[in-house]
Structures are given as C-alpha cells and as structure tokens.
C-alpha cells in the first residue's frame, strides 16, 4: 500500500466537501418542497405533522443517498 500524495489527499477532501454540500442542498430542497405547503396554508394539524415528518424523512434519505452516490462514483478506478 503506497502513501497518498498531498494532491490526492486534497482531492479526496474536496470531493467529501462537495458530497456533503450537495447532499445538504438536495435535502433542504426536498424538505421545502414536501413540507412547504404546511408553512403556507392553514391545514389540519395531522396533515401539518405528516408533511413535516415526510419532508424530514425524504430529505434525509435523499441526502444520504447523494453522499453515497458521489463518493462511490469518485472511488471507482479510472
């Protein structure tokens, strides 16, 4: 096993940062899309709670999937 060069370590750091940043953005957009109507309209409490829970779960799940997708794509041999 060889030592990684500074350029390789920097590339990995940038890729991890990109994965996390794009995952946060995707999660926030999906949360706002699903839970947004609860903030805009006067809906029954049960519907509000469901939209907030659904937005949280979908946004979180997609963020995790995005991180995995970006890092696996980066880790493939060229």
N, C-alpha and C. Protein backbone atom coordinates (compact mmCIF):
# COMPACT_ATOMS: atom_id res chain seq x y z
N UNK A 1 0.84 -1.17 0.00
CA UNK A 1 0.00 0.00 0.00
C UNK A 1 0.90 1.24 0.00
N UNK A 2 0.69 2.11 -0.95
CA UNK A 2 1.54 3.29 -1.06
C UNK A 2 0.91 4.47 -0.34
N UNK A 3 1.76 5.43 -0.03
CA UNK A 3 1.28 6.65 0.62
C UNK A 3 0.63 7.55 -0.43
N UNK A 4 -0.41 8.24 -0.03
CA UNK A 4 -1.08 9.17 -0.93
C UNK A 4 -0.31 10.49 -0.96
N UNK A 5 -0.30 11.09 -2.14
CA UNK A 5 0.35 12.39 -2.27
C UNK A 5 -0.57 13.47 -1.68
N UNK A 6 -0.01 14.65 -1.48
CA UNK A 6 -0.81 15.76 -0.96
C UNK A 6 -1.94 16.12 -1.91
N UNK A 7 -1.68 16.04 -3.22
CA UNK A 7 -2.72 16.35 -4.21
C UNK A 7 -3.88 15.35 -4.12
N UNK A 8 -3.56 14.08 -3.91
CA UNK A 8 -4.62 13.07 -3.77
C UNK A 8 -5.43 13.29 -2.50
N UNK A 9 -4.77 13.63 -1.41
CA UNK A 9 -5.48 13.90 -0.16
C UNK A 9 -6.36 15.13 -0.30
N UNK A 10 -5.86 16.16 -0.98
CA UNK A 10 -6.66 17.36 -1.21
C UNK A 10 -7.88 17.05 -2.09
N UNK A 11 -7.69 16.22 -3.09
CA UNK A 11 -8.80 15.85 -3.98
C UNK A 11 -9.88 15.10 -3.21
N UNK A 12 -9.48 14.21 -2.32
CA UNK A 12 -10.44 13.48 -1.51
C UNK A 12 -11.20 14.43 -0.60
N UNK A 13 -10.50 15.38 0.01
CA UNK A 13 -11.13 16.35 0.89
C UNK A 13 -12.15 17.20 0.13
N UNK A 14 -11.79 17.64 -1.05
CA UNK A 14 -12.71 18.44 -1.87
C UNK A 14 -13.92 17.60 -2.26
N UNK A 15 -13.72 16.37 -2.61
CA UNK A 15 -14.83 15.51 -3.02
C UNK A 15 -15.79 15.23 -1.86
N UNK A 16 -15.26 15.04 -0.67
CA UNK A 16 -16.11 14.85 0.51
C UNK A 16 -16.90 16.12 0.79
N UNK A 17 -16.25 17.27 0.70
CA UNK A 17 -16.95 18.54 0.89
C UNK A 17 -18.05 18.74 -0.12
N UNK A 18 -17.77 18.41 -1.38
CA UNK A 18 -18.79 18.53 -2.43
C UNK A 18 -19.96 17.60 -2.16
N UNK A 19 -19.66 16.37 -1.75
CA UNK A 19 -20.72 15.40 -1.47
C UNK A 19 -21.62 15.90 -0.35
N UNK A 20 -21.02 16.42 0.72
CA UNK A 20 -21.82 16.90 1.85
C UNK A 20 -22.62 18.15 1.49
N UNK A 21 -22.00 19.07 0.78
CA UNK A 21 -22.69 20.31 0.42
C UNK A 21 -23.85 20.04 -0.53
N UNK A 22 -23.62 19.22 -1.54
CA UNK A 22 -24.71 18.92 -2.48
C UNK A 22 -25.81 18.10 -1.81
N UNK A 23 -25.44 17.25 -0.84
CA UNK A 23 -26.45 16.48 -0.12
C UNK A 23 -27.31 17.38 0.76
N UNK A 24 -26.69 18.36 1.42
CA UNK A 24 -27.45 19.30 2.24
C UNK A 24 -28.39 20.13 1.38
N UNK A 25 -27.93 20.55 0.24
CA UNK A 25 -28.78 21.33 -0.66
C UNK A 25 -29.96 20.50 -1.15
N UNK A 26 -29.70 19.27 -1.59
CA UNK A 26 -30.76 18.40 -2.06
C UNK A 26 -31.77 18.11 -0.95
N UNK A 27 -31.27 17.81 0.25
CA UNK A 27 -32.16 17.54 1.37
C UNK A 27 -33.03 18.73 1.72
N UNK A 28 -32.44 19.92 1.70
CA UNK A 28 -33.20 21.13 2.02
C UNK A 28 -34.26 21.42 0.96
N UNK A 29 -33.92 21.25 -0.30
CA UNK A 29 -34.89 21.49 -1.37
C UNK A 29 -36.04 20.50 -1.27
N UNK A 30 -35.74 19.23 -1.02
CA UNK A 30 -36.81 18.24 -0.92
C UNK A 30 -37.66 18.48 0.31
N UNK A 31 -37.05 18.85 1.42
CA UNK A 31 -37.82 19.16 2.62
C UNK A 31 -38.76 20.34 2.35
N UNK A 32 -38.24 21.40 1.74
CA UNK A 32 -39.06 22.58 1.46
C UNK A 32 -40.18 22.25 0.49
N UNK A 33 -39.91 21.38 -0.47
CA UNK A 33 -40.93 21.01 -1.44
C UNK A 33 -42.07 20.25 -0.79
N UNK A 34 -41.73 19.32 0.08
CA UNK A 34 -42.76 18.49 0.70
C UNK A 34 -43.43 19.21 1.86
N UNK A 35 -42.67 19.85 2.74
CA UNK A 35 -43.23 20.47 3.93
C UNK A 35 -43.64 21.91 3.71
N UNK A 36 -43.34 22.49 2.58
CA UNK A 36 -43.68 23.88 2.30
C UNK A 36 -45.16 24.20 2.42
N UNK A 37 -46.03 23.37 1.87
CA UNK A 37 -47.46 23.67 2.00
C UNK A 37 -47.93 23.79 3.45
N UNK A 38 -47.29 23.09 4.37
CA UNK A 38 -47.67 23.19 5.77
C UNK A 38 -47.38 24.57 6.33
N UNK A 39 -46.35 25.22 5.80
CA UNK A 39 -46.00 26.56 6.26
C UNK A 39 -46.83 27.64 5.58
N UNK A 40 -47.31 27.36 4.37
CA UNK A 40 -48.01 28.38 3.60
C UNK A 40 -49.52 28.36 3.87
N UNK A 41 -50.10 27.17 3.88
CA UNK A 41 -51.55 27.05 4.03
C UNK A 41 -51.93 26.65 5.44
N UNK A 42 -53.15 26.95 5.80
CA UNK A 42 -53.69 26.57 7.10
C UNK A 42 -54.34 25.19 6.96
N UNK A 43 -53.54 24.16 7.20
CA UNK A 43 -54.01 22.78 7.05
C UNK A 43 -54.31 22.19 8.42
N UNK A 44 -55.08 21.09 8.46
CA UNK A 44 -55.31 20.43 9.75
C UNK A 44 -53.98 19.99 10.38
N UNK A 45 -53.98 19.92 11.70
CA UNK A 45 -52.75 19.62 12.43
C UNK A 45 -52.13 18.28 12.01
N UNK A 46 -52.97 17.28 11.79
CA UNK A 46 -52.46 15.96 11.39
C UNK A 46 -51.75 16.04 10.04
N UNK A 47 -52.28 16.81 9.13
CA UNK A 47 -51.66 16.97 7.81
C UNK A 47 -50.34 17.73 7.94
N UNK A 48 -50.32 18.76 8.78
CA UNK A 48 -49.08 19.50 9.02
C UNK A 48 -47.99 18.58 9.54
N UNK A 49 -48.34 17.80 10.54
CA UNK A 49 -47.35 16.89 11.14
C UNK A 49 -46.87 15.85 10.12
N UNK A 50 -47.80 15.33 9.32
CA UNK A 50 -47.42 14.34 8.31
C UNK A 50 -46.48 14.95 7.28
N UNK A 51 -46.79 16.15 6.79
CA UNK A 51 -45.93 16.79 5.79
C UNK A 51 -44.54 17.08 6.35
N UNK A 52 -44.47 17.54 7.59
CA UNK A 52 -43.17 17.79 8.21
C UNK A 52 -42.37 16.50 8.38
N UNK A 53 -43.04 15.44 8.83
CA UNK A 53 -42.35 14.15 9.00
C UNK A 53 -41.91 13.58 7.65
N UNK A 54 -42.79 13.65 6.68
CA UNK A 54 -42.45 13.12 5.35
C UNK A 54 -41.31 13.91 4.73
N UNK A 55 -41.34 15.23 4.86
CA UNK A 55 -40.26 16.06 4.33
C UNK A 55 -38.93 15.75 4.99
N UNK A 56 -38.97 15.54 6.31
CA UNK A 56 -37.74 15.21 7.04
C UNK A 56 -37.18 13.88 6.58
N UNK A 57 -38.03 12.87 6.49
CA UNK A 57 -37.55 11.55 6.10
C UNK A 57 -37.05 11.52 4.66
N UNK A 58 -37.81 12.08 3.75
CA UNK A 58 -37.41 12.06 2.34
C UNK A 58 -36.15 12.90 2.13
N UNK A 59 -36.11 14.08 2.71
CA UNK A 59 -34.92 14.92 2.57
C UNK A 59 -33.68 14.27 3.15
N UNK A 60 -33.82 13.66 4.32
CA UNK A 60 -32.69 12.97 4.94
C UNK A 60 -32.22 11.77 4.15
N UNK A 61 -33.18 10.98 3.68
CA UNK A 61 -32.83 9.78 2.91
C UNK A 61 -32.14 10.15 1.60
N UNK A 62 -32.66 11.15 0.92
CA UNK A 62 -32.02 11.57 -0.34
C UNK A 62 -30.64 12.17 -0.11
N UNK A 63 -30.45 12.86 1.01
CA UNK A 63 -29.13 13.41 1.32
C UNK A 63 -28.12 12.29 1.52
N UNK A 64 -28.51 11.26 2.25
CA UNK A 64 -27.61 10.12 2.48
C UNK A 64 -27.31 9.42 1.17
N UNK A 65 -28.33 9.21 0.35
CA UNK A 65 -28.13 8.56 -0.95
C UNK A 65 -27.19 9.40 -1.82
N UNK A 66 -27.32 10.72 -1.77
CA UNK A 66 -26.46 11.60 -2.57
C UNK A 66 -24.99 11.48 -2.15
N UNK A 67 -24.74 11.47 -0.84
CA UNK A 67 -23.36 11.33 -0.35
C UNK A 67 -22.78 9.99 -0.82
N UNK A 68 -23.53 8.93 -0.67
CA UNK A 68 -23.05 7.61 -1.09
C UNK A 68 -22.78 7.59 -2.59
N UNK A 69 -23.69 8.15 -3.37
CA UNK A 69 -23.53 8.16 -4.83
C UNK A 69 -22.27 8.93 -5.25
N UNK A 70 -22.07 10.11 -4.70
CA UNK A 70 -20.91 10.93 -5.09
C UNK A 70 -19.61 10.24 -4.68
N UNK A 71 -19.54 9.72 -3.46
CA UNK A 71 -18.29 9.12 -3.00
C UNK A 71 -18.00 7.79 -3.69
N UNK A 72 -19.02 7.02 -4.00
CA UNK A 72 -18.78 5.77 -4.74
C UNK A 72 -18.32 6.06 -6.16
N UNK A 73 -18.92 7.09 -6.78
CA UNK A 73 -18.51 7.46 -8.13
C UNK A 73 -17.05 7.93 -8.13
N UNK A 74 -16.66 8.67 -7.10
CA UNK A 74 -15.29 9.15 -7.01
C UNK A 74 -14.32 8.00 -6.76
N UNK A 75 -14.74 7.01 -6.00
CA UNK A 75 -13.86 5.91 -5.65
C UNK A 75 -13.63 4.87 -6.73
N UNK A 76 -14.38 4.96 -7.82
CA UNK A 76 -14.20 3.98 -8.91
C UNK A 76 -12.83 4.15 -9.55
N UNK A 77 -12.21 3.04 -9.89
CA UNK A 77 -10.92 3.16 -10.60
C UNK A 77 -11.13 3.79 -11.97
N UNK A 78 -10.17 4.59 -12.35
CA UNK A 78 -10.28 5.27 -13.65
C UNK A 78 -9.63 4.46 -14.73
